Protein backbone atom coordinates (compact mmCIF):
# COMPACT_ATOMS: atom_id res chain seq x y z
CA MET A 1 -5.81 -39.03 25.61
CA SER A 2 -5.25 -35.61 26.16
CA SER A 3 -8.15 -32.73 26.03
CA ASP A 4 -5.68 -29.97 24.69
CA ALA A 5 -6.63 -29.18 21.71
CA PRO A 6 -3.67 -29.61 19.13
CA VAL A 7 -1.79 -26.66 17.77
CA GLY A 8 -3.00 -24.84 15.28
CA ALA A 9 -6.91 -25.89 16.20
CA ARG A 10 -9.55 -23.40 16.19
CA PRO A 11 -12.87 -23.46 17.37
CA PRO A 12 -15.32 -23.44 14.44
CA ALA A 13 -17.01 -19.95 14.41
CA GLY A 14 -21.13 -19.88 13.65
CA LYS A 15 -23.88 -19.96 16.18
CA THR A 16 -23.04 -20.22 20.03
CA PHE A 17 -24.64 -22.52 22.53
CA PHE A 18 -25.18 -20.70 25.96
CA GLY A 19 -22.19 -19.10 24.47
CA HIS A 20 -19.84 -21.17 23.61
CA PRO A 21 -19.25 -23.02 20.24
CA ARG A 22 -22.10 -24.45 18.23
CA ALA A 23 -19.95 -27.26 17.77
CA LEU A 24 -20.47 -28.29 22.01
CA SER A 25 -24.48 -28.93 21.34
CA THR A 26 -23.67 -31.76 18.95
CA LEU A 27 -21.11 -33.12 21.51
CA PHE A 28 -23.40 -32.25 24.74
CA LEU A 29 -26.32 -34.34 22.89
CA THR A 30 -24.06 -36.96 21.18
CA GLU A 31 -22.85 -37.59 24.66
CA MET A 32 -26.09 -37.04 26.68
CA TRP A 33 -27.81 -40.17 24.35
CA GLU A 34 -24.93 -42.64 24.52
CA ARG A 35 -25.03 -42.06 28.82
CA PHE A 36 -28.60 -42.61 28.06
CA SER A 37 -27.86 -46.00 26.20
CA PHE A 38 -24.97 -46.90 28.80
CA TYR A 39 -26.70 -46.21 32.22
CA GLY A 40 -30.12 -47.27 30.88
CA MET A 41 -28.78 -50.81 29.78
CA ARG A 42 -26.93 -51.30 33.24
CA ALA A 43 -29.74 -50.34 35.13
CA ILE A 44 -31.66 -53.64 34.24
CA LEU A 45 -28.50 -55.77 33.37
CA VAL A 46 -28.13 -57.49 36.84
CA LEU A 47 -31.87 -57.55 37.40
CA TYR A 48 -32.33 -59.57 33.83
CA LEU A 49 -29.75 -61.81 34.37
CA THR A 50 -31.09 -62.64 37.84
CA ALA A 51 -34.68 -63.02 36.69
CA ALA A 52 -36.13 -66.18 36.83
CA VAL A 53 -36.63 -67.87 32.97
CA ALA A 54 -40.28 -67.87 33.91
CA ASP A 55 -39.85 -63.59 34.56
CA GLY A 56 -38.32 -63.60 31.08
CA GLY A 57 -34.36 -63.64 32.23
CA LEU A 58 -31.48 -65.48 32.43
CA ASP A 59 -31.93 -67.16 35.66
CA LEU A 60 -28.11 -66.57 36.43
CA GLY A 61 -27.05 -66.93 39.51
CA GLU A 62 -26.36 -63.85 41.99
CA SER A 63 -23.12 -63.96 42.45
CA SER A 64 -21.76 -64.80 38.62
CA ALA A 65 -24.27 -62.34 37.63
CA ASN A 66 -22.23 -59.53 40.07
CA ALA A 67 -18.84 -60.49 38.63
CA VAL A 68 -20.26 -60.05 34.87
CA TYR A 69 -21.55 -56.77 35.80
CA GLY A 70 -18.26 -55.92 37.49
CA THR A 71 -16.02 -56.98 34.26
CA TYR A 72 -18.09 -55.48 31.72
CA ASN A 73 -17.80 -52.12 33.18
CA ALA A 74 -13.99 -52.73 33.77
CA MET A 75 -14.24 -53.85 30.32
CA VAL A 76 -15.89 -50.71 28.97
CA TYR A 77 -12.82 -48.45 30.94
CA LEU A 78 -10.07 -50.67 29.71
CA MET A 79 -10.92 -50.35 26.07
CA ALA A 80 -10.61 -46.45 26.42
CA LEU A 81 -6.43 -47.18 25.70
CA PRO A 82 -6.77 -48.72 22.66
CA GLY A 83 -9.63 -46.35 21.28
CA GLY A 84 -7.22 -43.23 22.48
CA TRP A 85 -4.65 -45.03 20.63
CA VAL A 86 -6.76 -45.72 17.60
CA ALA A 87 -7.54 -41.88 16.93
CA ASP A 88 -4.83 -40.42 18.27
CA ARG A 89 -2.49 -42.84 15.43
CA LEU A 90 -5.03 -44.10 12.63
CA ILE A 91 -8.35 -42.33 12.09
CA GLY A 92 -8.95 -39.57 14.04
CA ALA A 93 -11.03 -38.32 17.01
CA ARG A 94 -14.54 -37.58 15.39
CA ARG A 95 -14.62 -40.49 12.91
CA SER A 96 -14.00 -42.72 16.27
CA VAL A 97 -16.67 -41.15 17.68
CA LEU A 98 -18.88 -41.59 14.79
CA TRP A 99 -18.17 -45.81 14.44
CA GLY A 100 -18.38 -45.90 18.48
CA GLY A 101 -22.38 -44.55 18.14
CA VAL A 102 -22.70 -46.84 15.49
CA VAL A 103 -21.20 -49.84 16.79
CA ILE A 104 -22.93 -49.08 20.77
CA ALA A 105 -26.27 -48.97 18.74
CA ALA A 106 -25.63 -52.32 17.03
CA GLY A 107 -24.60 -53.77 20.49
CA HIS A 108 -28.14 -52.32 22.07
CA TYR A 109 -30.12 -54.01 18.98
CA VAL A 110 -28.48 -57.10 19.20
CA MET A 111 -29.26 -57.29 23.28
CA ALA A 112 -33.20 -56.23 22.38
CA ILE A 113 -32.90 -60.19 20.32
CA PRO A 114 -35.21 -62.07 22.64
CA THR A 115 -32.48 -64.62 22.96
CA GLY A 116 -30.33 -65.80 25.79
CA TRP A 117 -26.89 -65.50 23.64
CA SER A 118 -27.99 -61.73 22.55
CA VAL A 119 -26.98 -60.11 26.01
CA PHE A 120 -23.47 -61.03 25.97
CA ALA A 121 -22.58 -60.61 22.19
CA GLY A 122 -24.51 -57.07 22.73
CA MET A 123 -22.17 -56.44 25.52
CA ALA A 124 -19.05 -56.65 23.71
CA LEU A 125 -20.20 -54.65 21.15
CA ILE A 126 -20.74 -51.90 23.48
CA VAL A 127 -17.45 -52.40 25.13
CA LEU A 128 -15.85 -52.37 21.71
CA GLY A 129 -17.98 -48.85 20.59
CA THR A 130 -17.66 -47.46 24.16
CA GLY A 131 -13.96 -47.16 23.92
CA LEU A 132 -13.71 -45.49 20.74
CA LEU A 133 -16.34 -43.27 22.03
CA LYS A 134 -15.68 -42.67 25.43
CA PRO A 135 -12.34 -40.92 25.52
CA ASN A 136 -12.23 -39.15 22.23
CA ILE A 137 -15.64 -37.46 22.14
CA SER A 138 -13.80 -35.22 25.87
CA THR A 139 -10.64 -34.92 23.56
CA MET A 140 -13.24 -33.12 20.99
CA VAL A 141 -15.12 -30.76 23.46
CA GLY A 142 -11.01 -29.74 24.02
CA ASP A 143 -10.38 -29.31 20.57
CA LEU A 144 -13.12 -26.42 20.55
CA TYR A 145 -11.21 -24.22 22.82
CA GLU A 146 -8.00 -22.81 23.07
CA ARG A 147 -5.71 -24.01 25.33
CA ASP A 148 -5.31 -21.00 27.57
CA SER A 149 -9.35 -19.96 26.89
CA PRO A 150 -11.31 -18.70 30.13
CA ARG A 151 -14.56 -20.76 28.75
CA ARG A 152 -12.56 -24.07 28.25
CA ASP A 153 -13.81 -25.24 32.11
CA ALA A 154 -17.13 -24.16 31.66
CA GLY A 155 -17.25 -25.60 28.31
CA PHE A 156 -16.42 -28.61 30.19
CA SER A 157 -18.87 -28.23 33.12
CA ILE A 158 -21.82 -28.11 30.43
CA PHE A 159 -20.80 -31.26 28.68
CA TYR A 160 -20.44 -33.06 31.98
CA MET A 161 -24.29 -32.35 32.67
CA GLY A 162 -24.90 -33.85 29.56
CA ILE A 163 -23.44 -36.80 30.95
CA ASN A 164 -25.54 -36.68 34.33
CA LEU A 165 -28.59 -35.58 32.49
CA GLY A 166 -28.36 -38.67 30.14
CA ALA A 167 -27.77 -41.06 33.63
CA PHE A 168 -30.69 -39.79 35.36
CA ILE A 169 -33.10 -39.42 32.95
CA ALA A 170 -32.19 -43.28 31.33
CA PRO A 171 -33.00 -45.36 34.46
CA LEU A 172 -36.87 -44.34 34.05
CA ILE A 173 -37.46 -45.40 30.90
CA THR A 174 -35.41 -48.61 30.57
CA GLY A 175 -36.47 -49.63 33.96
CA PHE A 176 -39.96 -49.37 33.79
CA LEU A 177 -40.23 -50.88 30.03
CA GLY A 178 -37.53 -53.75 31.22
CA GLU A 179 -38.85 -54.59 34.75
CA LYS A 180 -42.89 -53.62 33.87
CA ILE A 181 -43.18 -55.12 30.42
CA ASN A 182 -40.15 -57.41 28.78
CA TRP A 183 -36.46 -57.13 29.45
CA HIS A 184 -35.41 -56.74 25.68
CA LEU A 185 -37.68 -54.00 25.32
CA GLY A 186 -35.96 -51.86 27.78
CA PHE A 187 -32.78 -52.80 25.94
CA GLY A 188 -34.52 -51.92 22.62
CA ALA A 189 -35.00 -48.22 24.47
CA ALA A 190 -31.27 -47.68 24.99
CA ALA A 191 -30.80 -48.60 21.88
CA VAL A 192 -33.16 -46.18 20.40
CA GLY A 193 -31.31 -43.16 22.46
CA MET A 194 -28.06 -44.36 20.88
CA THR A 195 -29.87 -44.40 17.57
CA PHE A 196 -31.15 -40.65 18.21
CA GLY A 197 -26.91 -39.96 19.38
CA VAL A 198 -25.40 -40.98 16.11
CA LEU A 199 -27.91 -38.98 13.94
CA GLN A 200 -27.81 -35.72 15.61
CA TYR A 201 -24.22 -35.89 15.45
CA VAL A 202 -24.22 -36.79 11.70
CA LEU A 203 -26.70 -33.76 11.34
CA GLY A 204 -24.33 -31.70 13.34
CA ARG A 205 -20.93 -32.88 11.78
CA ARG A 206 -21.06 -29.55 9.59
CA ASN A 207 -20.91 -27.57 13.67
CA LEU A 208 -17.38 -29.34 14.08
CA GLY A 209 -15.01 -27.17 12.71
CA GLU A 210 -11.51 -28.99 12.33
CA ALA A 211 -12.46 -30.39 16.01
CA GLY A 212 -10.91 -34.42 15.91
CA ALA A 213 -11.17 -34.54 12.17
CA ARG A 214 -7.35 -35.81 11.79
CA PRO A 215 -5.59 -37.86 14.24
CA ALA A 216 -2.90 -36.25 16.61
CA ASP A 217 0.18 -38.25 15.75
CA PRO A 218 -0.95 -40.23 12.54
CA LEU A 219 0.83 -43.89 11.66
CA LEU A 220 2.20 -43.64 7.93
CA GLY A 221 3.52 -45.63 5.52
CA ALA A 222 5.42 -48.56 7.05
CA ASP A 223 4.97 -47.95 10.55
CA ARG A 224 1.26 -47.81 9.91
CA ARG A 225 1.39 -51.09 8.33
CA ARG A 226 3.55 -52.68 11.02
CA ALA A 227 0.84 -51.79 13.86
CA LEU A 228 -1.88 -52.92 11.91
CA THR A 229 -0.30 -56.20 11.65
CA ARG A 230 0.36 -56.37 15.08
CA VAL A 231 -3.67 -55.79 16.13
CA GLY A 232 -4.48 -58.25 13.27
CA VAL A 233 -1.91 -61.01 15.18
CA ALA A 234 -3.41 -59.91 18.56
CA SER A 235 -7.09 -59.95 17.37
CA VAL A 236 -5.84 -63.92 15.91
CA VAL A 237 -4.76 -64.31 19.70
CA VAL A 238 -7.64 -63.51 21.34
CA LEU A 239 -9.95 -65.53 18.72
CA ALA A 240 -7.41 -68.70 19.20
CA VAL A 241 -7.90 -68.22 23.01
CA LEU A 242 -11.95 -68.27 22.97
CA LEU A 243 -11.61 -70.93 20.48
CA VAL A 244 -9.08 -73.05 22.98
CA LEU A 245 -12.31 -72.42 25.94
CA LEU A 246 -14.81 -73.87 24.10
CA VAL A 247 -13.15 -76.46 22.28
CA ALA A 248 -12.04 -77.22 25.51
CA GLY A 249 -15.67 -77.29 27.32
CA TRP A 250 -14.24 -74.02 29.64
CA PHE A 251 -16.33 -71.71 27.44
CA THR A 252 -18.09 -70.71 30.94
CA VAL A 253 -19.61 -67.05 31.89
CA ASP A 254 -17.27 -67.54 34.95
CA THR A 255 -14.34 -68.69 33.11
CA VAL A 256 -14.52 -65.55 30.40
CA VAL A 257 -14.80 -63.06 33.38
CA ASN A 258 -12.05 -64.83 35.78
CA LEU A 259 -10.11 -64.54 32.30
CA LEU A 260 -10.72 -60.75 31.77
CA THR A 261 -9.58 -59.78 35.20
CA VAL A 262 -6.57 -61.12 34.84
CA VAL A 263 -6.04 -59.18 32.24
CA THR A 264 -7.12 -55.65 33.10
CA VAL A 265 -4.85 -56.32 35.97
CA LEU A 266 -1.92 -57.47 33.74
CA VAL A 267 -2.09 -54.59 31.82
CA THR A 268 -2.36 -51.78 34.60
CA VAL A 269 0.62 -53.46 36.21
CA GLY A 270 2.55 -53.33 32.49
CA TYR A 271 1.83 -49.84 31.94
CA PHE A 272 3.15 -48.89 34.89
CA ALA A 273 6.08 -50.61 34.82
CA ARG A 274 6.60 -49.47 31.49
CA ILE A 275 6.64 -45.58 32.36
CA LEU A 276 8.35 -46.60 35.53
CA THR A 277 10.93 -48.09 34.08
CA ASP A 278 11.40 -45.21 30.91
CA ARG A 279 15.06 -43.68 31.14
CA GLU A 280 13.99 -40.68 28.96
CA ILE A 281 11.76 -39.44 31.82
CA SER A 282 13.29 -37.37 34.79
CA GLY A 283 13.96 -38.13 38.40
CA THR A 284 11.20 -35.75 39.01
CA GLU A 285 8.85 -37.34 36.95
CA ARG A 286 9.61 -40.93 38.28
CA SER A 287 8.49 -39.47 41.67
CA ARG A 288 5.67 -38.13 40.66
CA MET A 289 4.32 -41.23 38.86
CA LYS A 290 5.47 -42.95 42.03
CA ALA A 291 2.74 -41.03 44.46
CA TYR A 292 0.45 -41.12 41.22
CA VAL A 293 0.55 -45.23 41.95
CA TRP A 294 -0.76 -44.78 45.19
CA LEU A 295 -3.67 -42.23 43.98
CA PHE A 296 -4.28 -44.97 42.21
CA LEU A 297 -4.58 -47.51 44.02
CA PHE A 298 -6.97 -45.51 46.58
CA ALA A 299 -8.76 -44.70 43.13
CA ALA A 300 -9.43 -48.44 42.46
CA SER A 301 -10.51 -49.28 46.05
CA PHE A 302 -12.75 -46.36 45.46
CA TRP A 303 -14.62 -48.04 42.25
CA LEU A 304 -14.83 -51.55 43.85
CA ILE A 305 -17.24 -50.37 46.35
CA TYR A 306 -19.13 -47.20 44.44
CA ASP A 307 -19.55 -49.54 41.00
CA GLN A 308 -21.56 -51.95 43.32
CA ALA A 309 -24.44 -49.68 43.37
CA GLY A 310 -25.57 -51.63 39.62
CA SER A 311 -25.34 -54.44 40.91
CA VAL A 312 -25.31 -55.81 44.56
CA LEU A 313 -27.15 -52.78 45.77
CA ASN A 314 -29.59 -53.02 42.72
CA ILE A 315 -30.73 -56.58 44.25
CA PHE A 316 -31.24 -55.28 47.52
CA ALA A 317 -33.24 -52.69 45.87
CA ALA A 318 -35.58 -55.58 43.87
CA ASP A 319 -35.72 -57.74 46.56
CA GLN A 320 -35.34 -55.95 49.83
CA THR A 321 -37.04 -52.58 49.53
CA ASP A 322 -40.29 -51.47 49.78
CA ARG A 323 -40.93 -49.51 46.45
CA SER A 324 -44.85 -49.26 46.84
CA VAL A 325 -46.11 -45.38 46.12
CA GLY A 326 -49.73 -45.21 46.20
CA GLY A 327 -50.48 -48.87 44.88
CA PHE A 328 -48.00 -48.44 42.51
CA MET A 329 -44.73 -50.36 42.58
CA PHE A 330 -42.04 -48.12 41.31
CA PRO A 331 -39.33 -50.54 39.29
CA ALA A 332 -36.04 -50.75 41.32
CA SER A 333 -33.93 -49.96 38.66
CA TRP A 334 -35.10 -46.23 38.99
CA LEU A 335 -32.93 -45.78 42.30
CA GLN A 336 -30.56 -45.81 39.64
CA SER A 337 -31.59 -42.28 38.71
CA VAL A 338 -30.48 -40.69 42.09
CA ASN A 339 -26.71 -41.12 41.88
CA PRO A 340 -26.27 -38.62 38.65
CA ILE A 341 -29.66 -36.27 40.35
CA LEU A 342 -27.22 -35.59 43.34
CA ILE A 343 -24.00 -34.95 41.09
CA ILE A 344 -26.10 -32.22 39.56
CA ILE A 345 -26.60 -30.92 42.62
CA GLY A 346 -23.49 -31.28 44.24
CA ALA A 347 -20.90 -30.89 41.78
CA PRO A 348 -21.05 -26.96 41.56
CA LEU A 349 -20.86 -27.10 45.08
CA ALA A 350 -17.92 -28.76 45.60
CA ALA A 351 -16.43 -27.15 43.30
CA ALA A 352 -17.02 -24.39 45.21
CA LEU A 353 -15.68 -25.75 48.49
CA TRP A 354 -12.51 -26.95 46.93
CA LEU A 355 -12.09 -23.44 45.41
CA LYS A 356 -12.21 -21.83 48.47
CA LEU A 357 -9.94 -24.25 50.49
CA GLY A 358 -7.40 -23.75 47.57
CA HIS A 359 -4.07 -25.55 48.31
CA ARG A 360 -4.96 -26.26 52.35
CA VAL A 361 -6.46 -29.42 51.44
CA SER A 362 -3.79 -31.63 49.26
CA THR A 363 -4.71 -33.83 46.60
CA PRO A 364 -3.97 -37.10 48.93
CA THR A 365 -6.39 -36.18 51.70
CA LYS A 366 -8.77 -35.63 49.30
CA PHE A 367 -8.72 -39.11 48.30
CA ALA A 368 -8.78 -40.19 51.58
CA VAL A 369 -11.95 -38.04 52.59
CA GLY A 370 -13.30 -39.98 49.52
CA LEU A 371 -12.61 -43.59 50.69
CA VAL A 372 -13.76 -42.52 54.49
CA LEU A 373 -17.28 -41.37 52.66
CA ASN A 374 -17.33 -44.71 50.69
CA GLY A 375 -16.73 -46.66 53.20
CA LEU A 376 -19.35 -45.13 55.74
CA SER A 377 -21.88 -46.06 52.90
CA PHE A 378 -21.30 -49.27 53.17
CA VAL A 379 -21.29 -49.50 56.81
CA LEU A 380 -24.90 -47.69 56.61
CA MET A 381 -25.81 -50.47 54.14
CA ALA A 382 -24.96 -52.47 56.55
CA ALA A 383 -27.79 -51.16 58.57
CA ALA A 384 -30.20 -50.94 56.43
CA ALA A 385 -29.23 -55.20 55.22
CA GLN A 386 -29.66 -55.69 59.07
CA ALA A 387 -32.81 -54.29 59.97
CA ALA A 388 -33.91 -56.44 56.31
CA VAL A 389 -32.86 -59.86 58.21
CA GLY A 390 -36.00 -61.85 58.06
CA GLY A 391 -37.71 -60.57 55.08
CA ASP A 392 -38.95 -57.28 56.40
CA LEU A 393 -38.79 -54.42 53.13
CA VAL A 394 -36.86 -51.29 54.50
CA SER A 395 -37.34 -48.07 52.81
CA PRO A 396 -35.66 -46.94 49.69
CA LEU A 397 -34.76 -43.56 51.70
CA TRP A 398 -32.06 -46.19 52.89
CA LEU A 399 -30.18 -46.84 49.21
CA VAL A 400 -31.13 -42.63 48.70
CA ALA A 401 -28.71 -41.88 52.40
CA VAL A 402 -26.13 -44.29 50.63
CA TYR A 403 -26.11 -43.05 47.36
CA ALA A 404 -25.95 -39.50 48.62
CA ILE A 405 -22.85 -40.43 51.03
CA GLN A 406 -21.10 -42.08 48.46
CA VAL A 407 -21.73 -38.86 45.94
CA ALA A 408 -19.91 -36.61 48.29
CA GLY A 409 -17.16 -39.27 48.25
CA GLU A 410 -16.98 -38.92 44.68
CA LEU A 411 -17.07 -35.15 44.30
CA SER A 412 -13.84 -35.66 46.86
CA LEU A 413 -12.22 -37.67 44.77
CA SER A 414 -13.06 -38.62 40.94
CA PRO A 415 -12.72 -34.71 39.41
CA VAL A 416 -9.47 -34.27 41.60
CA GLY A 417 -7.94 -37.51 40.26
CA LEU A 418 -8.73 -36.46 37.01
CA SER A 419 -6.97 -33.18 37.83
CA ALA A 420 -4.45 -34.98 39.67
CA THR A 421 -3.57 -37.19 36.63
CA THR A 422 -2.92 -34.50 34.19
CA LYS A 423 -0.45 -32.75 36.84
CA LEU A 424 1.65 -35.60 37.47
CA ALA A 425 2.17 -37.18 33.95
CA PRO A 426 5.35 -37.09 32.63
CA VAL A 427 5.52 -34.72 29.58
CA LYS A 428 6.12 -38.30 27.29
CA TYR A 429 3.10 -39.56 28.52
CA ALA A 430 0.77 -36.64 28.93
CA SER A 431 -1.60 -37.70 26.32
CA GLN A 432 -1.35 -41.58 27.25
CA MET A 433 -2.49 -40.45 31.44
CA LEU A 434 -6.24 -40.12 31.01
CA GLY A 435 -6.15 -43.93 29.61
CA LEU A 436 -4.38 -44.26 32.42
CA TRP A 437 -6.95 -43.14 34.74
CA PHE A 438 -9.88 -45.05 33.12
CA LEU A 439 -8.14 -48.61 34.33
CA ALA A 440 -7.95 -47.07 37.79
CA THR A 441 -12.16 -47.45 37.28
CA ALA A 442 -11.52 -50.32 35.20
CA VAL A 443 -9.10 -52.46 37.66
CA GLY A 444 -11.65 -51.05 40.41
CA ASP A 445 -14.54 -52.80 38.29
CA ALA A 446 -12.97 -56.01 37.83
CA ILE A 447 -12.23 -56.72 41.26
CA GLY A 448 -15.38 -55.45 42.72
CA GLY A 449 -17.10 -57.98 40.33
CA GLN A 450 -15.12 -60.49 41.85
CA VAL A 451 -15.82 -59.06 45.68
CA ALA A 452 -19.28 -59.06 44.82
CA ARG A 453 -19.48 -62.68 44.80
CA LEU A 454 -19.10 -62.71 48.40
CA ALA A 455 -22.36 -60.44 48.52
CA GLY A 456 -24.32 -64.17 47.50
CA THR A 457 -22.87 -66.31 50.23
CA TRP A 458 -21.94 -63.87 53.36
CA SER A 459 -24.20 -62.53 55.18
CA GLN A 460 -25.17 -58.86 53.90
CA PRO A 461 -25.00 -57.22 56.98
CA VAL A 462 -21.48 -58.90 57.58
CA TYR A 463 -20.54 -57.90 53.68
CA PHE A 464 -21.75 -54.21 54.29
CA LEU A 465 -19.90 -54.14 57.08
CA THR A 466 -16.51 -55.62 56.07
CA PHE A 467 -15.74 -53.53 52.85
CA GLY A 468 -17.26 -50.84 54.20
CA LEU A 469 -14.69 -50.60 57.52
CA ALA A 470 -11.60 -51.60 55.11
CA SER A 471 -12.67 -48.47 52.96
CA VAL A 472 -12.81 -46.22 56.20
CA VAL A 473 -9.26 -47.67 57.24
CA LEU A 474 -7.19 -47.17 53.98
CA GLY A 475 -8.81 -43.89 54.01
CA LEU A 476 -7.59 -43.32 57.26
CA ALA A 477 -4.45 -44.90 56.72
CA ALA A 478 -3.60 -42.48 53.59
CA VAL A 479 -5.08 -39.17 55.79
CA MET A 480 -1.16 -40.66 58.14
CA PHE A 481 0.94 -41.15 54.70
CA THR A 482 -0.20 -37.90 53.30
CA ARG A 483 3.09 -36.17 53.68
CA GLN A 484 5.19 -39.07 52.41
CA ILE A 485 2.64 -38.90 49.04
CA ARG A 486 2.72 -34.73 49.14
CA HIS A 487 6.79 -35.28 49.55
CA LEU A 488 6.72 -37.72 46.40
CA MET A 489 4.28 -35.19 44.22
CA ALA A 490 7.47 -33.08 43.94
CA GLY A 491 5.71 -29.61 44.68
CA ILE A 492 2.26 -30.44 42.85
CA HIS A 493 -0.69 -29.92 45.53
């Protein structure tokens, strides 16, 4: 899903937004409210799943709740692949974003229904809607600028500020409503947020000009009918599998989670196999893709640990931290706002650092730094868990420090990986490589959800120390193989 504007595209004229096309404000607010709904719901999801029935929760075991959380995150990113395809080949990015927002809002409203089944039905809708919206709204931002416009990077920087602004505000609102009043009221707040996003997107559509108005590579005639038939057959197969599981009595939370984890890994393996065995890509492109396989594995390992902030670390915040301030017990989910505010502060500093260092620090080395920092955050978390042994409550500043280290790691890996993805992509697969980058998060979250099951059976200090040291060792190994990976990158830094 390339963010490059299609040939001939022109940014819409009219009023500006901080010197940028007015349409950027529409997309900025849409993304801000979408991230508000996503991170707002995510901040309380595991807490709701593990809460006792008497407290309005589902009383799901911690291991299963962590796996559900990880798999949900994985599905969100996995669906970016078909979501990008739908926009590129069928309905265009603009309508994909609109329908994606509507489906996301519907999912959150379903979750607001105070019944046990609503949370899973709602998550399924949110996954489908996010797959349509998330990759394609970034494409539309790119459509606002000429390919070589010097304002393009600045425009994306403003856009990404909306992501973190929504992620910062959301837990403060949904967390208070969910933990202090009613879980489903918190989910309802996320629904209202996404509704605001859809409404302002519809009202601001006149500012969008031609951005995302048409499919980039539309399917027509027989090709379109053939593709829609395949989609229909695939949908029937999925429903048939679910029906078999239901009839056989295997339709349980754990069975579905395990199945979706396997699907995520198989899709990824199939995707790489397809690219690497394609005879139409050159030898240089194939070499660069082999380098990208290593970067992909490093990224997936990073997200495996990093995204446990909303599951394992969130439960630790709820059960083992002293959250009392002046007699007020603030919600555990409020600590989920620490990450985005640190990103807002740290992103420009990281950008300035990488600009100053230039090519003196290679992409594999930056990935290695991210892995080491991520691992050190879990080593510190092991110390926090050890301090909480015996039932003592620890300061929430432990978690703040852990998140600060993780954010430093993210800023070393995530934006660098996004850039490397576009540079290492074979020409034939340029428009699909961002979807492949999303798969790194999907794989990390899917496997991370399974790994997080161990947090409920191992002692916490051992759990955090084991995976923290594993990430540090992997990062150091990445440093050792930097020269080989750079050789495979064939001139790309």
